[in-house]
Protein backbone atom coordinates (compact mmCIF):
# COMPACT_ATOMS: atom_id res chain seq x y z
CA MET A 1 -28.67 -21.02 -3.28
CA GLN A 2 -26.85 -21.99 -0.63
CA LYS A 3 -25.32 -17.88 -0.09
CA ASN A 4 -28.86 -17.12 0.17
CA THR A 5 -30.36 -20.14 2.59
CA LYS A 6 -27.37 -19.22 4.86
CA ASN A 7 -27.82 -15.10 5.05
CA GLN A 8 -31.28 -16.21 5.56
CA SER A 9 -30.05 -18.78 8.09
CA LYS A 10 -28.36 -16.02 9.71
CA SER A 11 -31.29 -13.64 9.97
CA SER A 12 -33.54 -16.13 11.17
CA THR A 13 -30.50 -16.88 14.39
CA VAL A 14 -30.72 -13.18 14.54
CA LYS A 15 -34.09 -12.26 14.78
CA LYS A 16 -33.93 -15.41 17.94
CA VAL A 17 -31.56 -13.44 19.52
CA GLU A 18 -32.99 -10.12 19.44
CA THR A 19 -36.23 -11.87 20.28
CA LYS A 20 -34.26 -13.47 23.82
CA ASN A 21 -32.77 -10.15 24.46
CA ILE A 22 -35.84 -8.75 24.64
CA SER A 23 -37.86 -10.75 26.16
CA GLY A 24 -35.30 -10.83 28.71
CA SER A 25 -35.05 -6.76 28.80
CA MET A 26 -39.20 -7.03 29.78
CA LYS A 27 -38.94 -9.48 32.45
CA ILE A 28 -36.06 -7.51 33.81
CA ILE A 29 -38.33 -3.91 33.00
CA GLY A 30 -41.49 -5.86 34.39
CA ALA A 31 -39.42 -6.91 37.82
CA VAL A 32 -38.51 -3.27 38.36
CA LEU A 33 -41.87 -1.60 38.04
CA LEU A 34 -42.98 -4.24 40.39
CA ALA A 35 -40.94 -3.89 42.87
CA ALA A 36 -41.29 -0.11 42.90
CA ILE A 37 -44.91 -0.09 42.77
CA ILE A 38 -44.57 -2.30 46.04
CA VAL A 39 -42.18 0.19 47.48
CA PHE A 40 -44.64 3.13 46.87
CA LEU A 41 -47.76 1.17 48.10
CA ILE A 42 -45.50 0.63 51.21
CA LEU A 43 -44.01 4.17 51.87
CA THR A 44 -47.30 6.04 50.99
CA ASN A 45 -49.09 3.72 53.62
CA LEU A 46 -47.05 4.40 56.52
CA PRO A 47 -47.91 7.29 59.04
CA LYS A 48 -45.56 10.56 58.14
CA LYS A 49 -44.12 12.05 61.42
CA HIS A 50 -46.83 15.29 60.95
CA GLU A 51 -49.74 12.95 60.36
CA SER A 52 -48.94 10.91 63.68
CA ASN A 53 -52.27 12.57 65.11
CA LYS A 54 -54.43 11.69 62.23
CA GLU A 55 -53.23 8.24 62.53
CA PHE A 56 -53.58 7.66 66.24
CA MET A 57 -56.44 9.42 67.40
CA PHE A 58 -58.45 8.20 70.43
CA ARG A 59 -61.08 5.38 70.54
CA LYS A 60 -63.71 5.00 72.86
CA ASP A 61 -63.72 1.42 73.57
CA GLY A 62 -65.49 1.51 77.19
CA GLU A 63 -65.64 3.46 80.54
CA LEU A 64 -63.38 3.16 83.26
CA THR A 65 -64.53 3.46 87.16
CA PHE A 66 -61.91 5.03 89.54
CA ILE A 67 -63.46 3.71 93.26
CA ASP A 68 -62.59 4.46 96.39
CA SER A 69 -61.14 1.88 98.67
CA ALA A 70 -62.86 3.16 101.83
CA SER A 71 -66.05 4.56 100.77
CA ASN A 72 -67.05 2.29 97.83
CA ALA A 73 -67.58 5.49 96.20
CA ALA A 74 -66.68 6.48 92.70
CA LYS A 75 -63.75 8.90 92.42
CA THR A 76 -64.00 9.30 88.66
CA LYS A 77 -64.93 8.29 85.53
CA ILE A 78 -63.04 8.18 82.20
CA ASP A 79 -63.16 7.21 78.47
CA ILE A 80 -60.60 3.77 77.96
CA GLN A 81 -59.04 2.60 74.62
CA ILE A 82 -58.88 -1.23 75.66
CA ALA A 83 -55.42 -2.47 74.37
CA ASP A 84 -55.93 -6.21 74.40
CA ASN A 85 -54.06 -7.78 71.78
CA ASP A 86 -50.03 -7.43 71.40
CA PHE A 87 -50.57 -4.92 68.26
CA ASP A 88 -51.98 -3.06 70.33
CA ARG A 89 -50.62 -3.29 74.06
CA GLU A 90 -46.63 -2.73 71.95
CA LEU A 91 -48.33 0.27 70.26
CA GLY A 92 -50.19 1.59 73.43
CA LEU A 93 -50.04 5.42 73.13
CA MET A 94 -47.19 6.15 70.69
CA PHE A 95 -47.21 8.81 68.35
CA ARG A 96 -50.24 11.13 69.83
CA LYS A 97 -49.16 14.51 70.87
CA SER A 98 -52.62 14.99 73.17
CA MET A 99 -54.92 12.82 75.39
CA GLU A 100 -57.87 14.80 77.25
CA GLU A 101 -58.22 14.51 80.54
CA ASN A 102 -61.24 12.35 81.20
CA GLN A 103 -59.91 9.93 78.83
CA GLY A 104 -56.91 6.76 78.72
CA MET A 105 -56.22 3.71 77.92
CA LEU A 106 -56.71 0.08 79.32
CA PHE A 107 -53.94 -2.30 78.45
CA ILE A 108 -55.50 -6.13 79.37
CA PHE A 109 -53.14 -9.04 79.88
CA PRO A 110 -53.57 -12.56 79.83
CA THR A 111 -52.71 -13.36 83.56
CA ASP A 112 -51.76 -11.46 86.96
CA THR A 113 -47.85 -11.14 86.27
CA THR A 114 -44.96 -8.28 87.09
CA GLN A 115 -45.56 -5.33 84.01
CA ASP A 116 -42.82 -3.55 82.43
CA PHE A 117 -44.06 -0.25 80.34
CA TRP A 118 -41.76 2.31 78.78
CA MET A 119 -41.92 5.63 77.24
CA ARG A 120 -40.47 4.97 73.43
CA ASN A 121 -42.13 7.25 71.08
CA THR A 122 -44.74 8.32 73.38
CA TYR A 123 -44.95 12.14 73.42
CA ILE A 124 -47.37 12.19 76.40
CA PRO A 125 -46.37 12.47 80.02
CA LEU A 126 -48.23 9.71 81.97
CA ASP A 127 -49.35 8.72 84.78
CA MET A 128 -49.30 4.68 84.83
CA ILE A 129 -51.85 2.54 87.20
CA PHE A 130 -50.81 -1.41 87.94
CA VAL A 131 -54.23 -2.86 88.53
CA ASN A 132 -54.34 -6.80 89.59
CA SER A 133 -57.18 -9.29 88.15
CA LYS A 134 -59.08 -8.66 91.51
CA ASP A 135 -59.29 -5.14 90.15
CA ARG A 136 -57.24 -3.39 92.55
CA ILE A 137 -54.90 -1.06 92.28
CA VAL A 138 -51.61 -2.29 93.32
CA THR A 139 -48.63 0.00 91.85
CA ILE A 140 -48.78 4.12 90.58
CA GLN A 141 -46.19 5.37 88.29
CA HIS A 142 -46.06 8.89 88.65
CA ALA A 143 -44.44 11.62 85.94
CA THR A 144 -43.16 9.12 83.29
CA LYS A 145 -40.74 10.72 81.43
CA THR A 146 -42.14 11.35 77.95
CA LEU A 147 -39.67 9.39 74.44
CA SER A 148 -37.66 7.13 76.95
CA ASP A 149 -36.90 3.30 77.63
CA GLN A 150 -36.50 4.03 81.16
CA THR A 151 -38.64 1.14 82.68
CA TYR A 152 -41.83 1.70 84.60
CA ALA A 153 -43.00 -1.63 86.31
CA SER A 154 -45.67 -3.09 89.09
CA THR A 155 -44.04 -3.90 92.25
CA ALA A 156 -46.87 -6.59 92.41
CA PRO A 157 -48.69 -8.61 89.54
CA ALA A 158 -50.74 -7.12 87.51
CA MET A 159 -53.44 -8.16 84.69
CA TYR A 160 -54.15 -4.36 83.85
CA VAL A 161 -52.77 -1.12 83.31
CA ILE A 162 -54.24 2.27 83.03
CA GLU A 163 -52.49 5.15 81.16
CA VAL A 164 -53.99 8.39 82.23
CA SER A 165 -52.56 12.35 81.64
CA LEU A 166 -50.06 13.53 83.64
CA GLY A 167 -51.53 14.66 87.48
CA PHE A 168 -54.21 12.74 87.06
CA THR A 169 -53.51 10.60 90.09
CA ASP A 170 -52.86 13.03 92.30
CA LYS A 171 -55.97 15.23 91.03
CA TYR A 172 -58.17 12.56 91.86
CA LYS A 173 -56.84 11.23 94.88
CA ILE A 174 -55.87 7.70 93.03
CA LYS A 175 -53.99 5.55 95.16
CA VAL A 176 -52.62 2.22 95.44
CA GLY A 177 -56.06 -0.31 97.25
CA ASP A 178 -58.13 1.71 95.50
CA LYS A 179 -60.41 -0.47 92.77
CA ILE A 180 -61.70 -0.08 89.27
CA SER A 181 -64.89 -0.98 87.16
CA TRP A 182 -65.02 -0.66 83.47
CA GLN A 183 -67.19 -2.14 81.03
CA ARG A 184 -66.53 -1.96 77.33
CA THR A 185 -69.31 -0.40 75.13
CA VAL A 186 -68.06 -1.27 71.70
CA GLN A 187 -67.44 -4.68 70.95
CA ASN A 188 -64.29 -5.69 68.30
């Protein structure tokens, strides 16, 4: 009789060990599966190189007019996408392949200060227009170099920076001293 009890006891112990091993294995499999799902979700939500244009299309948030400093007459008007938070200002026009001549991006900063911009991951050649809090153009950087970490800075404190297509400032004779007027047409 004792022999059977020992066998039953051994059998019970083996079942407990097997149950613990299965339970531990299930936890490991569950953790690996969860990690795989998380990695999958992250990778499928990242923009792919060939989808960059789809991910970062122009969004019209308002309109901006360039005004001649001498005559106070409008030189030209563009549609603008507004970048007024850290994420939008850092992203800017990166990863875009094109922009229409009548479009631009308006970067808005909290205060007038020297602004420094670069063209990292930016495929569109641009003119950069730096504007102070009195809406007066203080600096224009012509023909910025695409895909470059070269810095383009304002020569005076600026609160706004407008990025437009290469050659825009020459074509419309936009110059330092001219003014801007802009309005938001879409509320965030």
